[in-house]
Amino acid sequence: MQGIHGINILQKLNKASAKNMDAFVNTAQAIPDKDYEHLLQYLANMTTFAMSELEMRKRKKPGNLSH
């Protein structure tokens, strides 16, 4: 559920940023601290996943000795 909540916050910020900078700033300032905590946790988890996935792909490339 935390992942969905994080995605929803990102979507809210993305929609506002597509309008103009004032809309983005107003939206960003209206987001509660607890929601930012969820967003940061989501981003940290996704970053960790992406780094692990990339490392695994590098190891699987042909010619790489560290299988």
Protein backbone atom coordinates (compact mmCIF):
# COMPACT_ATOMS: atom_id res chain seq x y z
CA MET A 1 0.00 0.00 0.00
CA GLN A 2 2.89 2.36 0.72
CA GLY A 3 4.05 2.00 -2.88
CA ILE A 4 0.67 3.05 -4.24
CA HIS A 5 0.62 6.00 -1.87
CA GLY A 6 4.08 7.05 -3.06
CA ILE A 7 3.02 6.79 -6.70
CA ASN A 8 -0.08 8.89 -6.00
CA ILE A 9 2.04 11.64 -4.45
CA LEU A 10 4.39 11.59 -7.45
CA GLN A 11 1.43 11.81 -9.82
CA LYS A 12 0.02 14.76 -7.90
CA LEU A 13 3.36 16.58 -8.10
CA ASN A 14 3.79 15.67 -11.77
CA LYS A 15 0.35 17.01 -12.72
CA ALA A 16 1.03 20.26 -10.89
CA SER A 17 4.46 20.66 -12.50
CA ALA A 18 2.87 20.27 -15.95
CA LYS A 19 0.72 23.34 -15.26
CA ASN A 20 3.27 25.85 -14.00
CA MET A 21 5.81 26.45 -11.27
CA ASP A 22 3.31 28.16 -8.95
CA ALA A 23 0.97 25.17 -9.13
CA PHE A 24 3.87 22.84 -8.40
CA VAL A 25 5.07 24.87 -5.40
CA ASN A 26 1.55 25.19 -4.01
CA THR A 27 0.93 21.46 -4.40
CA ALA A 28 4.30 20.56 -2.89
CA GLN A 29 3.70 22.81 0.11
CA ALA A 30 0.22 21.34 0.67
CA ILE A 31 1.51 17.77 0.96
CA PRO A 32 1.68 16.69 4.62
CA ASP A 33 4.98 15.63 6.18
CA LYS A 34 3.73 12.06 6.63
CA ASP A 35 3.10 11.82 2.89
CA TYR A 36 6.64 12.99 2.19
CA GLU A 37 7.87 10.22 4.49
CA HIS A 38 5.92 7.69 2.39
CA LEU A 39 7.28 9.23 -0.81
CA LEU A 40 10.88 9.09 0.40
CA GLN A 41 10.50 5.47 1.50
CA TYR A 42 9.00 4.56 -1.87
CA LEU A 43 11.80 6.32 -3.77
CA ALA A 44 14.47 4.67 -1.59
CA ASN A 45 12.96 1.23 -2.24
CA MET A 46 12.71 1.85 -5.98
CA THR A 47 16.30 3.14 -6.11
CA THR A 48 17.55 0.04 -4.28
CA PHE A 49 15.57 -2.20 -6.61
CA ALA A 50 16.85 -0.44 -9.74
CA MET A 51 20.46 -0.64 -8.56
CA SER A 52 20.12 -4.36 -7.79
CA GLU A 53 18.45 -5.04 -11.13
CA LEU A 54 21.15 -3.19 -13.05
CA GLU A 55 23.92 -5.01 -11.18
CA MET A 56 22.29 -8.37 -11.90
CA ARG A 57 21.98 -7.51 -15.60
CA LYS A 58 25.64 -6.50 -15.76
CA ARG A 59 26.65 -9.85 -14.28
CA LYS A 60 24.53 -11.75 -16.81
CA LYS A 61 26.03 -10.08 -19.90
CA PRO A 62 27.95 -12.45 -22.19
CA GLY A 63 31.69 -12.40 -21.65
CA ASN A 64 31.39 -11.35 -18.03
CA LEU A 65 33.26 -13.83 -15.82
CA SER A 66 31.39 -13.07 -12.59
CA HIS A 67 28.24 -15.14 -13.13
